[in-house]
Amino acid sequence: MESFQKLLIAAVVIGLVSGMSISIYYSEDSASKCEKTEKAIKNQSNVTGAVACFPPGVIDLNQTDRVQQGSNLECVCRRSFEGAVQLWAINKAR
């Protein structure tokens, strides 16, 4: 019985460790474009205030017809600082 308990404990520990590692690996790899964009803005720029990026459709953004026809909207980023809100469209040329 003692060897069975040791085997069972070892299987549980191996399962937990492998599950946590796979979860961490996939959560970093499956970050959306908007999450990656938000992280890049925060890390590589001198922007003050809160920045959050969202997929298209979450925040309404009016773009000109010319911009809509010549590009694909990937993300909409919102920056709020001292009561002012700015919206940035992150587009990819077609």
PDB file of N, CA and C in Angstrom:
ATOM      1  N   MET A   1       0.814  -1.188   0.000  1.00  0.00           N
ATOM      2  CA  MET A   1       0.000   0.000   0.000  1.00  0.00           C
ATOM      3  C   MET A   1       0.859   1.254   0.000  1.00  0.00           C
ATOM      4  N   GLU A   2       1.986   1.192   0.669  1.00  0.00           N
ATOM      5  CA  GLU A   2       2.858   2.354   0.772  1.00  0.00           C
ATOM      6  C   GLU A   2       3.434   2.740  -0.586  1.00  0.00           C
ATOM      7  N   SER A   3       3.798   1.772  -1.411  1.00  0.00           N
ATOM      8  CA  SER A   3       4.334   2.078  -2.736  1.00  0.00           C
ATOM      9  C   SER A   3       3.243   2.668  -3.646  1.00  0.00           C
ATOM     10  N   PHE A   4       2.012   2.203  -3.473  1.00  0.00           N
ATOM     11  CA  PHE A   4       0.907   2.755  -4.253  1.00  0.00           C
ATOM     12  C   PHE A   4       0.677   4.233  -3.907  1.00  0.00           C
ATOM     13  N   GLN A   5       0.765   4.574  -2.621  1.00  0.00           N
ATOM     14  CA  GLN A   5       0.586   5.960  -2.192  1.00  0.00           C
ATOM     15  C   GLN A   5       1.698   6.853  -2.746  1.00  0.00           C
ATOM     16  N   LYS A   6       2.924   6.353  -2.744  1.00  0.00           N
ATOM     17  CA  LYS A   6       4.045   7.118  -3.287  1.00  0.00           C
ATOM     18  C   LYS A   6       3.861   7.345  -4.788  1.00  0.00           C
ATOM     19  N   LEU A   7       3.422   6.320  -5.476  1.00  0.00           N
ATOM     20  CA  LEU A   7       3.175   6.423  -6.916  1.00  0.00           C
ATOM     21  C   LEU A   7       2.053   7.419  -7.201  1.00  0.00           C
ATOM     22  N   LEU A   8       1.002   7.366  -6.417  1.00  0.00           N
ATOM     23  CA  LEU A   8      -0.118   8.285  -6.578  1.00  0.00           C
ATOM     24  C   LEU A   8       0.308   9.737  -6.316  1.00  0.00           C
ATOM     25  N   ILE A   9       1.077   9.976  -5.285  1.00  0.00           N
ATOM     26  CA  ILE A   9       1.576  11.319  -4.965  1.00  0.00           C
ATOM     27  C   ILE A   9       2.493  11.823  -6.072  1.00  0.00           C
ATOM     28  N   ALA A  10       3.372  10.953  -6.566  1.00  0.00           N
ATOM     29  CA  ALA A  10       4.274  11.348  -7.648  1.00  0.00           C
ATOM     30  C   ALA A  10       3.481  11.709  -8.907  1.00  0.00           C
ATOM     31  N   ALA A  11       2.441  10.951  -9.217  1.00  0.00           N
ATOM     32  CA  ALA A  11       1.624  11.233 -10.400  1.00  0.00           C
ATOM     33  C   ALA A  11       0.891  12.564 -10.249  1.00  0.00           C
ATOM     34  N   VAL A  12       0.395  12.847  -9.073  1.00  0.00           N
ATOM     35  CA  VAL A  12      -0.300  14.119  -8.830  1.00  0.00           C
ATOM     36  C   VAL A  12       0.668  15.291  -8.971  1.00  0.00           C
ATOM     37  N   VAL A  13       1.858  15.175  -8.404  1.00  0.00           N
ATOM     38  CA  VAL A  13       2.854  16.248  -8.476  1.00  0.00           C
ATOM     39  C   VAL A  13       3.289  16.473  -9.922  1.00  0.00           C
ATOM     40  N   ILE A  14       3.557  15.406 -10.648  1.00  0.00           N
ATOM     41  CA  ILE A  14       3.966  15.527 -12.053  1.00  0.00           C
ATOM     42  C   ILE A  14       2.836  16.175 -12.864  1.00  0.00           C
ATOM     43  N   GLY A  15       1.607  15.783 -12.617  1.00  0.00           N
ATOM     44  CA  GLY A  15       0.469  16.363 -13.324  1.00  0.00           C
ATOM     45  C   GLY A  15       0.315  17.852 -13.049  1.00  0.00           C
ATOM     46  N   LEU A  16       0.458  18.254 -11.800  1.00  0.00           N
ATOM     47  CA  LEU A  16       0.338  19.673 -11.453  1.00  0.00           C
ATOM     48  C   LEU A  16       1.455  20.509 -12.077  1.00  0.00           C
ATOM     49  N   VAL A  17       2.684  20.008 -11.986  1.00  0.00           N
ATOM     50  CA  VAL A  17       3.817  20.755 -12.537  1.00  0.00           C
ATOM     51  C   VAL A  17       3.706  20.866 -14.051  1.00  0.00           C
ATOM     52  N   SER A  18       3.374  19.785 -14.723  1.00  0.00           N
ATOM     53  CA  SER A  18       3.262  19.849 -16.182  1.00  0.00           C
ATOM     54  C   SER A  18       2.076  20.719 -16.598  1.00  0.00           C
ATOM     55  N   GLY A  19       0.986  20.684 -15.895  1.00  0.00           N
ATOM     56  CA  GLY A  19      -0.165  21.523 -16.202  1.00  0.00           C
ATOM     57  C   GLY A  19       0.150  23.000 -16.045  1.00  0.00           C
ATOM     58  N   MET A  20       0.860  23.357 -14.988  1.00  0.00           N
ATOM     59  CA  MET A  20       1.235  24.759 -14.778  1.00  0.00           C
ATOM     60  C   MET A  20       2.198  25.227 -15.856  1.00  0.00           C
ATOM     61  N   SER A  21       3.168  24.395 -16.221  1.00  0.00           N
ATOM     62  CA  SER A  21       4.134  24.805 -17.254  1.00  0.00           C
ATOM     63  C   SER A  21       3.456  24.992 -18.605  1.00  0.00           C
ATOM     64  N   ILE A  22       2.577  24.093 -18.970  1.00  0.00           N
ATOM     65  CA  ILE A  22       1.879  24.215 -20.253  1.00  0.00           C
ATOM     66  C   ILE A  22       0.987  25.457 -20.248  1.00  0.00           C
ATOM     67  N   SER A  23       0.335  25.722 -19.141  1.00  0.00           N
ATOM     68  CA  SER A  23      -0.531  26.892 -19.034  1.00  0.00           C
ATOM     69  C   SER A  23       0.267  28.183 -19.195  1.00  0.00           C
ATOM     70  N   ILE A  24       1.402  28.280 -18.570  1.00  0.00           N
ATOM     71  CA  ILE A  24       2.253  29.470 -18.686  1.00  0.00           C
ATOM     72  C   ILE A  24       2.757  29.616 -20.116  1.00  0.00           C
ATOM     73  N   TYR A  25       3.169  28.533 -20.724  1.00  0.00           N
ATOM     74  CA  TYR A  25       3.682  28.580 -22.088  1.00  0.00           C
ATOM     75  C   TYR A  25       2.615  29.069 -23.059  1.00  0.00           C
ATOM     76  N   TYR A  26       1.412  28.528 -22.971  1.00  0.00           N
ATOM     77  CA  TYR A  26       0.356  28.901 -23.911  1.00  0.00           C
ATOM     78  C   TYR A  26      -0.211  30.286 -23.629  1.00  0.00           C
ATOM     79  N   SER A  27      -0.219  30.723 -22.391  1.00  0.00           N
ATOM     80  CA  SER A  27      -0.754  32.054 -22.105  1.00  0.00           C
ATOM     81  C   SER A  27       0.162  33.133 -22.667  1.00  0.00           C
ATOM     82  N   GLU A  28       1.463  32.938 -22.659  1.00  0.00           N
ATOM     83  CA  GLU A  28       2.396  33.908 -23.231  1.00  0.00           C
ATOM     84  C   GLU A  28       2.335  33.873 -24.754  1.00  0.00           C
ATOM     85  N   ASP A  29       2.161  32.689 -25.322  1.00  0.00           N
ATOM     86  CA  ASP A  29       2.171  32.529 -26.766  1.00  0.00           C
ATOM     87  C   ASP A  29       0.865  32.996 -27.405  1.00  0.00           C
ATOM     88  N   SER A  30      -0.233  32.915 -26.665  1.00  0.00           N
ATOM     89  CA  SER A  30      -1.534  33.221 -27.246  1.00  0.00           C
ATOM     90  C   SER A  30      -1.992  34.653 -26.968  1.00  0.00           C
ATOM     91  N   ALA A  31      -1.089  35.530 -26.582  1.00  0.00           N
ATOM     92  CA  ALA A  31      -1.472  36.917 -26.357  1.00  0.00           C
ATOM     93  C   ALA A  31      -1.932  37.525 -27.680  1.00  0.00           C
ATOM     94  N   SER A  32      -3.022  38.260 -27.621  1.00  0.00           N
ATOM     95  CA  SER A  32      -3.577  38.833 -28.846  1.00  0.00           C
ATOM     96  C   SER A  32      -2.695  39.969 -29.348  1.00  0.00           C
ATOM     97  N   LYS A  33      -2.949  40.378 -30.591  1.00  0.00           N
ATOM     98  CA  LYS A  33      -2.200  41.492 -31.169  1.00  0.00           C
ATOM     99  C   LYS A  33      -2.371  42.741 -30.329  1.00  0.00           C
ATOM    100  N   CYS A  34      -3.578  42.945 -29.826  1.00  0.00           N
ATOM    101  CA  CYS A  34      -3.844  44.152 -29.044  1.00  0.00           C
ATOM    102  C   CYS A  34      -3.099  44.123 -27.705  1.00  0.00           C
ATOM    103  N   GLU A  35      -3.006  42.963 -27.097  1.00  0.00           N
ATOM    104  CA  GLU A  35      -2.240  42.850 -25.850  1.00  0.00           C
ATOM    105  C   GLU A  35      -0.764  43.106 -26.110  1.00  0.00           C
ATOM    106  N   LYS A  36      -0.256  42.582 -27.210  1.00  0.00           N
ATOM    107  CA  LYS A  36       1.142  42.814 -27.562  1.00  0.00           C
ATOM    108  C   LYS A  36       1.385  44.285 -27.890  1.00  0.00           C
ATOM    109  N   THR A  37       0.434  44.919 -28.579  1.00  0.00           N
ATOM    110  CA  THR A  37       0.557  46.337 -28.909  1.00  0.00           C
ATOM    111  C   THR A  37       0.563  47.180 -27.647  1.00  0.00           C
ATOM    112  N   GLU A  38      -0.341  46.878 -26.736  1.00  0.00           N
ATOM    113  CA  GLU A  38      -0.420  47.616 -25.475  1.00  0.00           C
ATOM    114  C   GLU A  38       0.887  47.493 -24.690  1.00  0.00           C
ATOM    115  N   LYS A  39       1.414  46.299 -24.627  1.00  0.00           N
ATOM    116  CA  LYS A  39       2.668  46.060 -23.910  1.00  0.00           C
ATOM    117  C   LYS A  39       3.815  46.834 -24.563  1.00  0.00           C
ATOM    118  N   ALA A  40       3.855  46.853 -25.907  1.00  0.00           N
ATOM    119  CA  ALA A  40       4.913  47.570 -26.620  1.00  0.00           C
ATOM    120  C   ALA A  40       4.809  49.072 -26.376  1.00  0.00           C
ATOM    121  N   ILE A  41       3.600  49.609 -26.375  1.00  0.00           N
ATOM    122  CA  ILE A  41       3.424  51.044 -26.121  1.00  0.00           C
ATOM    123  C   ILE A  41       3.921  51.390 -24.728  1.00  0.00           C
ATOM    124  N   LYS A  42       3.575  50.578 -23.754  1.00  0.00           N
ATOM    125  CA  LYS A  42       3.986  50.861 -22.370  1.00  0.00           C
ATOM    126  C   LYS A  42       5.497  50.725 -22.183  1.00  0.00           C
ATOM    127  N   ASN A  43       6.103  49.736 -22.839  1.00  0.00           N
ATOM    128  CA  ASN A  43       7.525  49.470 -22.629  1.00  0.00           C
ATOM    129  C   ASN A  43       8.446  50.347 -23.464  1.00  0.00           C
ATOM    130  N   GLN A  44       8.040  50.717 -24.676  1.00  0.00           N
ATOM    131  CA  GLN A  44       8.955  51.356 -25.609  1.00  0.00           C
ATOM    132  C   GLN A  44       8.668  52.828 -25.847  1.00  0.00           C
ATOM    133  N   SER A  45       7.726  53.403 -25.147  1.00  0.00           N
ATOM    134  CA  SER A  45       7.436  54.812 -25.384  1.00  0.00           C
ATOM    135  C   SER A  45       7.417  55.571 -24.067  1.00  0.00           C
ATOM    136  N   ASN A  46       7.348  56.855 -24.200  1.00  0.00           N
ATOM    137  CA  ASN A  46       7.369  57.738 -23.048  1.00  0.00           C
ATOM    138  C   ASN A  46       5.964  58.239 -22.742  1.00  0.00           C
ATOM    139  N   VAL A  47       4.965  57.420 -22.902  1.00  0.00           N
ATOM    140  CA  VAL A  47       3.575  57.811 -22.735  1.00  0.00           C
ATOM    141  C   VAL A  47       3.231  57.803 -21.250  1.00  0.00           C
ATOM    142  N   THR A  48       2.596  58.887 -20.803  1.00  0.00           N
ATOM    143  CA  THR A  48       2.130  58.936 -19.424  1.00  0.00           C
ATOM    144  C   THR A  48       0.626  58.702 -19.407  1.00  0.00           C
ATOM    145  N   GLY A  49       0.129  58.216 -18.303  1.00  0.00           N
ATOM    146  CA  GLY A  49      -1.290  57.917 -18.185  1.00  0.00           C
ATOM    147  C   GLY A  49      -1.555  56.444 -18.440  1.00  0.00           C
ATOM    148  N   ALA A  50      -2.826  56.098 -18.374  1.00  0.00           N
ATOM    149  CA  ALA A  50      -3.238  54.708 -18.561  1.00  0.00           C
ATOM    150  C   ALA A  50      -3.470  54.427 -20.038  1.00  0.00           C
ATOM    151  N   VAL A  51      -2.937  53.309 -20.522  1.00  0.00           N
ATOM    152  CA  VAL A  51      -3.112  52.894 -21.914  1.00  0.00           C
ATOM    153  C   VAL A  51      -3.747  51.509 -21.923  1.00  0.00           C
ATOM    154  N   ALA A  52      -4.783  51.353 -22.731  1.00  0.00           N
ATOM    155  CA  ALA A  52      -5.426  50.050 -22.896  1.00  0.00           C
ATOM    156  C   ALA A  52      -5.796  49.887 -24.364  1.00  0.00           C
ATOM    157  N   CYS A  53      -5.530  48.707 -24.921  1.00  0.00           N
ATOM    158  CA  CYS A  53      -5.835  48.436 -26.330  1.00  0.00           C
ATOM    159  C   CYS A  53      -6.891  47.343 -26.431  1.00  0.00           C
ATOM    160  N   PHE A  54      -7.799  47.516 -27.381  1.00  0.00           N
ATOM    161  CA  PHE A  54      -8.931  46.616 -27.539  1.00  0.00           C
ATOM    162  C   PHE A  54      -9.070  46.183 -28.988  1.00  0.00           C
ATOM    163  N   PRO A  55      -9.642  45.012 -29.236  1.00  0.00           N
ATOM    164  CA  PRO A  55      -9.901  44.577 -30.616  1.00  0.00           C
ATOM    165  C   PRO A  55     -10.983  45.450 -31.251  1.00  0.00           C
ATOM    166  N   PRO A  56     -11.052  45.476 -32.575  1.00  0.00           N
ATOM    167  CA  PRO A  56     -12.072  46.283 -33.259  1.00  0.00           C
ATOM    168  C   PRO A  56     -13.478  45.902 -32.812  1.00  0.00           C
ATOM    169  N   GLY A  57     -14.315  46.902 -32.659  1.00  0.00           N
ATOM    170  CA  GLY A  57     -15.689  46.671 -32.264  1.00  0.00           C
ATOM    171  C   GLY A  57     -15.963  46.888 -30.799  1.00  0.00           C
ATOM    172  N   VAL A  58     -14.951  46.866 -29.966  1.00  0.00           N
ATOM    173  CA  VAL A  58     -15.157  47.091 -28.544  1.00  0.00           C
ATOM    174  C   VAL A  58     -15.383  48.577 -28.284  1.00  0.00           C
ATOM    175  N   ILE A  59     -14.583  49.412 -28.919  1.00  0.00           N
ATOM    176  CA  ILE A  59     -14.718  50.867 -28.822  1.00  0.00           C
ATOM    177  C   ILE A  59     -15.047  51.383 -30.219  1.00  0.00           C
ATOM    178  N   ASP A  60     -16.083  52.208 -30.312  1.00  0.00           N
ATOM    179  CA  ASP A  60     -16.442  52.792 -31.605  1.00  0.00           C
ATOM    180  C   ASP A  60     -15.428  53.858 -31.984  1.00  0.00           C
ATOM    181  N   LEU A  61     -14.996  53.810 -33.231  1.00  0.00           N
ATOM    182  CA  LEU A  61     -14.014  54.757 -33.735  1.00  0.00           C
ATOM    183  C   LEU A  61     -14.420  55.151 -35.140  1.00  0.00           C
ATOM    184  N   ASN A  62     -14.534  56.438 -35.373  1.00  0.00           N
ATOM    185  CA  ASN A  62     -14.902  56.931 -36.701  1.00  0.00           C
ATOM    186  C   ASN A  62     -13.637  57.181 -37.510  1.00  0.00           C
ATOM    187  N   GLN A  63     -13.483  56.438 -38.590  1.00  0.00           N
ATOM    188  CA  GLN A  63     -12.358  56.620 -39.504  1.00  0.00           C
ATOM    189  C   GLN A  63     -12.905  57.101 -40.839  1.00  0.00           C
ATOM    190  N   THR A  64     -12.098  57.820 -41.567  1.00  0.00           N
ATOM    191  CA  THR A  64     -12.525  58.282 -42.882  1.00  0.00           C
ATOM    192  C   THR A  64     -12.654  57.085 -43.819  1.00  0.00           C
ATOM    193  N   ASP A  65     -13.437  57.257 -44.860  1.00  0.00           N
ATOM    194  CA  ASP A  65     -13.621  56.183 -45.845  1.00  0.00           C
ATOM    195  C   ASP A  65     -12.304  55.800 -46.495  1.00  0.00           C
ATOM    196  N   ARG A  66     -11.467  56.785 -46.730  1.00  0.00           N
ATOM    197  CA  ARG A  66     -10.176  56.520 -47.375  1.00  0.00           C
ATOM    198  C   ARG A  66      -9.303  55.616 -46.495  1.00  0.00           C
ATOM    199  N   VAL A  67      -9.300  55.882 -45.200  1.00  0.00           N
ATOM    200  CA  VAL A  67      -8.513  55.048 -44.278  1.00  0.00           C
ATOM    201  C   VAL A  67      -9.112  53.652 -44.194  1.00  0.00           C
ATOM    202  N   GLN A  68     -10.431  53.547 -44.125  1.00  0.00           N
ATOM    203  CA  GLN A  68     -11.082  52.244 -44.025  1.00  0.00           C
ATOM    204  C   GLN A  68     -10.826  51.390 -45.256  1.00  0.00           C
ATOM    205  N   GLN A  69     -10.799  52.006 -46.429  1.00  0.00           N
ATOM    206  CA  GLN A  69     -10.602  51.251 -47.659  1.00  0.00           C
ATOM    207  C   GLN A  69      -9.147  50.836 -47.849  1.00  0.00           C
ATOM    208  N   GLY A  70      -8.213  51.607 -47.316  1.00  0.00           N
ATOM    209  CA  GLY A  70      -6.803  51.322 -47.543  1.00  0.00           C
ATOM    210  C   GLY A  70      -6.122  50.551 -46.439  1.00  0.00           C
ATOM    211  N   SER A  71      -6.857  50.213 -45.369  1.00  0.00           N
ATOM    212  CA  SER A  71      -6.204  49.521 -44.260  1.00  0.00           C
ATOM    213  C   SER A  71      -7.200  48.657 -43.498  1.00  0.00           C
ATOM    214  N   ASN A  72      -6.649  47.772 -42.692  1.00  0.00           N
ATOM    215  CA  ASN A  72      -7.448  46.931 -41.798  1.00  0.00           C
ATOM    216  C   ASN A  72      -7.217  47.400 -40.371  1.00  0.00           C
ATOM    217  N   LEU A  73      -8.284  47.652 -39.641  1.00  0.00           N
ATOM    218  CA  LEU A  73      -8.186  48.058 -38.247  1.00  0.00           C
ATOM    219  C   LEU A  73      -7.824  46.838 -37.409  1.00  0.00           C
ATOM    220  N   GLU A  74      -6.691  46.911 -36.715  1.00  0.00           N
ATOM    221  CA  GLU A  74      -6.265  45.789 -35.876  1.00  0.00           C
ATOM    222  C   GLU A  74      -6.644  45.997 -34.416  1.00  0.00           C
ATOM    223  N   CYS A  75      -6.430  47.214 -33.910  1.00  0.00           N
ATOM    224  CA  CYS A  75      -6.707  47.513 -32.512  1.00  0.00           C
ATOM    225  C   CYS A  75      -7.102  48.976 -32.376  1.00  0.00           C
ATOM    226  N   VAL A  76      -7.798  49.265 -31.284  1.00  0.00           N
ATOM    227  CA  VAL A  76      -8.062  50.644 -30.897  1.00  0.00           C
ATOM    228  C   VAL A  76      -7.477  50.804 -29.497  1.00  0.00           C
ATOM    229  N   CYS A  77      -6.553  51.751 -29.358  1.00  0.00           N
ATOM    230  CA  CYS A  77      -5.923  51.986 -28.069  1.00  0.00           C
ATOM    231  C   CYS A  77      -6.483  53.263 -27.462  1.00  0.00           C
ATOM    232  N   ARG A  78      -6.735  53.214 -26.168  1.00  0.00           N
ATOM    233  CA  ARG A  78      -7.273  54.362 -25.450  1.00  0.00           C
ATOM    234  C   ARG A  78      -6.270  54.792 -24.389  1.00  0.00           C
ATOM    235  N   ARG A  79      -5.966  56.079 -24.407  1.00  0.00           N
ATOM    236  CA  ARG A  79      -5.059  56.646 -23.409  1.00  0.00           C
ATOM    237  C   ARG A  79      -5.828  57.680 -22.613  1.00  0.00           C
ATOM    238  N   SER A  80      -5.801  57.555 -21.304  1.00  0.00           N
ATOM    239  CA  SER A  80      -6.436  58.557 -20.455  1.00  0.00           C
ATOM    240  C   SER A  80      -5.381  59.134 -19.525  1.00  0.00           C
ATOM    241  N   PHE A  81      -5.377  60.483 -19.469  1.00  0.00           N
ATOM    242  CA  PHE A  81      -4.400  61.185 -18.643  1.00  0.00           C
ATOM    243  C   PHE A  81      -5.002  62.514 -18.214  1.00  0.00           C
ATOM    244  N   GLU A  82      -5.074  62.732 -16.920  1.00  0.00           N
ATOM    245  CA  GLU A  82      -5.593  63.963 -16.331  1.00  0.00           C
ATOM    246  C   GLU A  82      -6.961  64.342 -16.898  1.00  0.00           C
ATOM    247  N   GLY A  83      -7.840  63.379 -17.007  1.00  0.00           N
ATOM    248  CA  GLY A  83      -9.205  63.623 -17.453  1.00  0.00           C
ATOM    249  C   GLY A  83      -9.397  63.658 -18.956  1.00  0.00           C
ATOM    250  N   ALA A  84      -8.336  63.677 -19.725  1.00  0.00           N
ATOM    251  CA  ALA A  84      -8.444  63.691 -21.181  1.00  0.00           C
ATOM    252  C   ALA A  84      -8.308  62.261 -21.718  1.00  0.00           C
ATOM    253  N   VAL A  85      -9.098  61.960 -22.741  1.00  0.00           N
ATOM    254  CA  VAL A  85      -9.057  60.621 -23.346  1.00  0.00           C
ATOM    255  C   VAL A  85      -8.686  60.763 -24.816  1.00  0.00           C
ATOM    256  N   GLN A  86      -7.707  59.967 -25.239  1.00  0.00           N
ATOM    257  CA  GLN A  86      -7.301  59.923 -26.643  1.00  0.00           C
ATOM    258  C   GLN A  86      -7.540  58.515 -27.164  1.00  0.00           C
ATOM    259  N   LEU A  87      -7.973  58.422 -28.414  1.00  0.00           N
ATOM    260  CA  LEU A  87      -8.139  57.131 -29.074  1.00  0.00           C
ATOM    261  C   LEU A  87      -7.164  57.042 -30.224  1.00  0.00           C
ATOM    262  N   TRP A  88      -6.448  55.932 -30.309  1.00  0.00           N
ATOM    263  CA  TRP A  88      -5.497  55.698 -31.385  1.00  0.00           C
ATOM    264  C   TRP A  88      -5.950  54.478 -32.161  1.00  0.00           C
ATOM    265  N   ALA A  89      -6.004  54.607 -33.469  1.00  0.00           N
ATOM    266  CA  ALA A  89      -6.324  53.461 -34.323  1.00  0.00           C
ATOM    267  C   ALA A  89      -5.012  52.821 -34.775  1.00  0.00           C
ATOM    268  N   ILE A  90      -4.886  51.548 -34.562  1.00  0.00           N
ATOM    269  CA  ILE A  90      -3.726  50.787 -35.014  1.00  0.00           C
ATOM    270  C   ILE A  90      -4.174  50.035 -36.269  1.00  0.00           C
ATOM    271  N   ASN A  91      -3.709  50.498 -37.416  1.00  0.00           N
ATOM    272  CA  ASN A  91      -4.127  49.942 -38.701  1.00  0.00           C
ATOM    273  C   ASN A  91      -2.979  49.205 -39.374  1.00  0.00           C
ATOM    274  N   LYS A  92      -3.348  48.268 -40.234  1.00  0.00           N
ATOM    275  CA  LYS A  92      -2.376  47.547 -41.050  1.00  0.00           C
ATOM    276  C   LYS A  92      -2.757  47.801 -42.500  1.00  0.00           C
ATOM    277  N   ALA A  93      -1.779  48.246 -43.294  1.00  0.00           N
ATOM    278  CA  ALA A  93      -2.058  48.543 -44.697  1.00  0.00           C
ATOM    279  C   ALA A  93      -2.434  47.269 -45.443  1.00  0.00           C
ATOM    280  N   ARG A  94      -3.335  47.424 -46.383  1.00  0.00           N
ATOM    281  CA  ARG A  94      -3.764  46.264 -47.185  1.00  0.00           C
ATOM    282  C   ARG A  94      -2.808  45.978 -48.290  1.00  0.00           C
TER     283      ARG A  94
END
